[in-house]
Protein backbone atom coordinates (compact mmCIF):
# COMPACT_ATOMS: atom_id res chain seq x y z
CA MET A 1 -15.20 -7.89 25.86
CA LYS A 2 -11.55 -6.63 26.16
CA PHE A 3 -9.19 -6.18 29.09
CA PRO A 4 -6.46 -3.61 29.54
CA LEU A 5 -3.12 -4.92 28.35
CA CYS A 6 -0.94 -6.47 31.27
CA TYR A 7 2.38 -5.79 32.65
CA GLN A 8 5.12 -8.41 33.45
CA ARG A 9 4.85 -10.43 36.64
CA SER A 10 8.73 -10.68 36.89
CA ASN A 11 11.89 -9.33 35.24
CA TYR A 12 11.96 -12.13 32.71
CA ASP A 13 8.51 -12.78 31.20
CA CYS A 14 8.41 -10.09 28.54
CA PHE A 15 7.70 -12.50 25.71
CA PRO A 16 4.81 -14.51 27.28
CA THR A 17 3.31 -11.34 28.58
CA THR A 18 3.52 -9.59 25.19
CA LEU A 19 2.17 -12.57 23.40
CA LEU A 20 -0.79 -12.76 25.73
CA ASN A 21 -1.26 -9.08 25.33
CA ALA A 22 -1.43 -9.57 21.50
CA LEU A 23 -4.13 -12.16 21.78
CA ASN A 24 -6.01 -9.83 24.19
CA TYR A 25 -5.71 -6.96 21.69
CA LEU A 26 -6.79 -8.95 18.72
CA LEU A 27 -9.51 -11.37 20.08
CA PRO A 28 -12.57 -11.20 22.19
CA LEU A 29 -12.10 -12.79 25.70
CA ASP A 30 -14.24 -15.80 24.95
CA LYS A 31 -11.75 -16.84 22.08
CA ILE A 32 -8.79 -16.98 24.49
CA ASN A 33 -9.09 -20.40 26.15
CA PRO A 34 -6.94 -22.00 28.84
CA GLU A 35 -5.20 -24.23 26.43
CA LEU A 36 -3.62 -21.07 24.63
CA ILE A 37 -2.49 -19.60 28.01
CA THR A 38 -1.05 -22.86 29.16
CA LYS A 39 0.97 -23.53 25.89
CA ILE A 40 2.34 -19.90 25.81
CA THR A 41 3.41 -19.83 29.47
CA THR A 42 4.87 -23.35 29.59
CA SER A 43 6.75 -23.00 26.29
CA SER A 44 8.35 -19.70 27.17
CA LEU A 45 11.09 -18.79 29.78
CA ASP A 46 13.26 -21.66 28.57
CA VAL A 47 16.74 -19.96 28.87
CA PHE A 48 18.96 -20.29 31.85
CA ASP A 49 20.89 -17.24 33.18
CA GLU A 50 24.63 -17.26 33.87
CA LYS A 51 24.10 -18.81 37.35
CA GLY A 52 22.22 -21.75 35.75
CA GLU A 53 18.66 -20.51 36.98
CA SER A 54 15.90 -21.72 34.73
CA GLY A 55 13.84 -19.09 33.03
CA LYS A 56 15.96 -16.14 34.23
CA GLY A 57 17.46 -15.78 30.74
CA GLY A 58 14.03 -15.11 29.25
CA THR A 59 12.63 -16.83 26.08
CA SER A 60 14.79 -18.21 23.33
CA LYS A 61 14.32 -17.57 19.61
CA LEU A 62 13.68 -21.26 19.09
CA ALA A 63 10.85 -21.26 21.70
CA VAL A 64 9.28 -18.13 20.08
CA GLU A 65 9.45 -19.91 16.67
CA LEU A 66 7.92 -23.17 18.03
CA ILE A 67 5.04 -21.13 19.72
CA SER A 68 4.43 -19.32 16.42
CA ASN A 69 4.16 -22.73 14.55
CA TRP A 70 1.91 -24.07 17.33
CA LEU A 71 -0.39 -21.02 17.11
CA ASN A 72 -0.77 -21.47 13.39
CA ALA A 73 -1.61 -25.20 13.67
CA TYR A 74 -3.90 -24.52 16.52
CA SER A 75 -5.55 -21.74 14.47
CA SER A 76 -6.09 -23.86 11.39
CA HIS A 77 -7.55 -26.77 13.37
CA LYS A 78 -9.77 -24.74 15.80
CA CYS A 79 -10.82 -21.90 13.64
CA PHE A 80 -8.99 -19.56 15.98
CA GLY A 81 -8.84 -16.46 13.95
CA ILE A 82 -5.11 -15.62 13.87
CA THR A 83 -2.04 -16.43 12.16
CA SER A 84 1.65 -15.63 12.92
CA ASP A 85 4.86 -15.32 11.16
CA PHE A 86 8.17 -15.38 13.13
CA ILE A 87 10.92 -13.38 11.53
CA TRP A 88 14.51 -12.52 12.63
CA GLY A 89 17.66 -10.91 11.51
CA ARG A 90 17.53 -8.95 8.34
CA GLU A 91 13.91 -9.91 7.77
CA VAL A 92 12.89 -7.70 10.58
CA CYS A 93 12.25 -4.22 9.02
CA ILE A 94 9.81 -1.34 9.53
CA ASP A 95 8.09 -2.22 6.11
CA LYS A 96 7.06 -5.71 7.39
CA ILE A 97 5.85 -4.30 10.68
CA TYR A 98 3.96 -1.54 8.87
CA SER A 99 2.23 -4.03 6.54
CA CYS A 100 1.23 -6.14 9.51
CA ILE A 101 -0.25 -3.19 11.45
CA LYS A 102 -2.18 -1.99 8.30
CA LYS A 103 -3.81 -5.47 8.02
CA LYS A 104 -5.07 -4.90 11.62
CA GLY A 105 -2.40 -7.05 13.14
CA VAL A 106 0.20 -6.52 15.78
CA ALA A 107 3.90 -7.18 16.08
CA ALA A 108 5.90 -8.54 19.05
CA VAL A 109 9.25 -6.98 18.52
CA THR A 110 12.49 -7.11 20.54
CA VAL A 111 13.86 -3.76 21.39
CA TYR A 112 16.83 -2.67 23.51
CA PHE A 113 16.46 -1.16 26.89
CA ASN A 114 19.47 0.68 28.60
CA SER A 115 21.65 -0.56 25.57
CA PHE A 116 21.93 -4.13 26.83
CA VAL A 117 18.53 -5.79 27.46
CA HIS A 118 16.79 -7.64 24.61
CA HIS A 119 13.18 -6.98 25.43
CA TYR A 120 9.78 -7.81 23.80
CA VAL A 121 7.30 -5.09 23.25
CA LEU A 122 3.80 -5.08 21.42
CA VAL A 123 3.57 -2.69 18.40
CA THR A 124 -0.12 -1.88 18.00
CA ASP A 125 -0.08 1.13 15.58
CA ILE A 126 2.23 3.04 13.26
CA ASP A 127 2.14 6.32 11.37
CA LYS A 128 4.75 8.20 9.28
CA ASP A 129 6.49 9.54 12.31
CA PHE A 130 5.82 7.22 15.32
CA ILE A 131 5.53 3.64 16.55
CA TYR A 132 2.76 3.16 19.11
CA LEU A 133 3.62 0.25 21.42
CA PHE A 134 2.86 -1.37 24.77
CA ASP A 135 5.87 -2.16 26.96
CA PRO A 136 5.00 -4.75 29.53
CA TYR A 137 7.79 -3.60 31.95
CA THR A 138 7.09 -1.18 34.60
CA TYR A 139 9.91 1.33 34.85
CA SER A 140 10.60 3.34 38.00
CA SER A 141 11.94 6.39 36.07
CA THR A 142 10.88 8.57 33.30
CA PHE A 143 12.74 9.10 30.03
CA SER A 144 14.72 12.25 29.14
CA GLU A 145 14.77 11.49 25.41
CA GLU A 146 12.32 13.60 23.51
CA ASP A 147 11.52 10.95 21.11
CA ILE A 148 10.18 8.48 23.81
CA ILE A 149 6.78 9.63 24.98
CA ILE A 150 4.87 7.88 27.82
CA MET A 151 1.18 7.65 27.03
CA GLN A 152 -1.27 5.56 29.13
CA ILE A 153 -4.03 4.10 26.80
CA PRO A 154 -4.43 0.79 28.76
CA TYR A 155 -6.20 -1.08 25.81
CA LYS A 156 -3.65 -0.21 23.18
CA MET A 157 -0.33 1.43 24.18
CA ASN A 158 1.94 3.12 26.71
CA ARG A 159 4.74 4.41 24.61
CA LYS A 160 5.00 6.52 21.48
CA ILE A 161 8.45 6.12 19.91
CA SER A 162 9.80 7.99 16.97
CA ILE A 163 10.43 5.77 13.98
CA ASN A 164 13.91 7.18 13.55
CA ARG A 165 14.77 5.80 17.09
CA PHE A 166 12.99 2.52 16.57
CA ILE A 167 14.76 1.56 13.37
CA GLN A 168 18.27 2.42 14.65
CA ASN A 169 21.00 -0.33 14.31
CA GLN A 170 22.64 1.19 17.54
CA GLU A 171 21.57 -0.51 20.74
CA ILE A 172 19.73 2.37 22.36
CA THR A 173 16.53 2.51 24.33
CA TYR A 174 13.60 1.34 22.23
CA SER A 175 15.56 0.71 19.05
CA MET A 176 15.53 -2.59 17.30
CA GLY A 177 19.29 -2.42 17.36
CA ASN A 178 21.72 -4.76 15.72
CA ILE A 179 20.08 -6.21 12.57
CA GLN A 180 21.47 -9.59 13.14
CA LYS A 181 19.91 -9.79 16.61
CA ARG A 182 16.45 -8.68 15.71
CA GLU A 183 13.33 -10.84 16.32
CA CYS A 184 9.75 -10.11 15.51
CA LEU A 185 6.47 -12.28 15.78
CA LEU A 186 3.95 -10.79 13.34
CA ILE A 187 0.34 -11.69 14.27
CA TYR A 188 -2.57 -11.11 12.03
CA PRO A 189 -6.27 -11.73 12.23
CA VAL A 190 -7.76 -14.21 9.65
CA THR A 191 -11.17 -15.43 8.75
CA CYS A 192 -11.83 -19.10 9.19
CA ASP A 193 -13.02 -21.11 6.05
């Protein structure tokens, strides 16, 4: 049994929401146990904002990497059925995301919104022209850009973004932006030995 993908509960929890959506997308509900949910939520939101408020700076690259390592160890010990690979900077490219998707995986990728927000979304599909993703943030406005299409498919995606926009080095809405600042968690299904 599957559930529709979820939206953020605050302005700050894009990473834990996106990772929980990835697990929901890839796995049956009975494989997602409380230990997973607890680890993801308690290890995220570790960055302080400029006022010193905990969690309001989102989730750090280090926390994402530690969660990825923990998921891999958990999966190998519990026959969980997924593996992950955290990549950043120059390693984050469309070819690696495409390869992950074609192996029936998903990619939690940082994109820009309004040219300044570093924001995690879940890429669930790709073709030669478009990236299909689920953005966990609820926006109050629509997009005027022709290469950002809102689509509501609750179990898979809510945005269709042109690949040309997505791969831009410029920090524009739904682009991966500056190569040095890119982050991506590739998550693949695996069979247990």
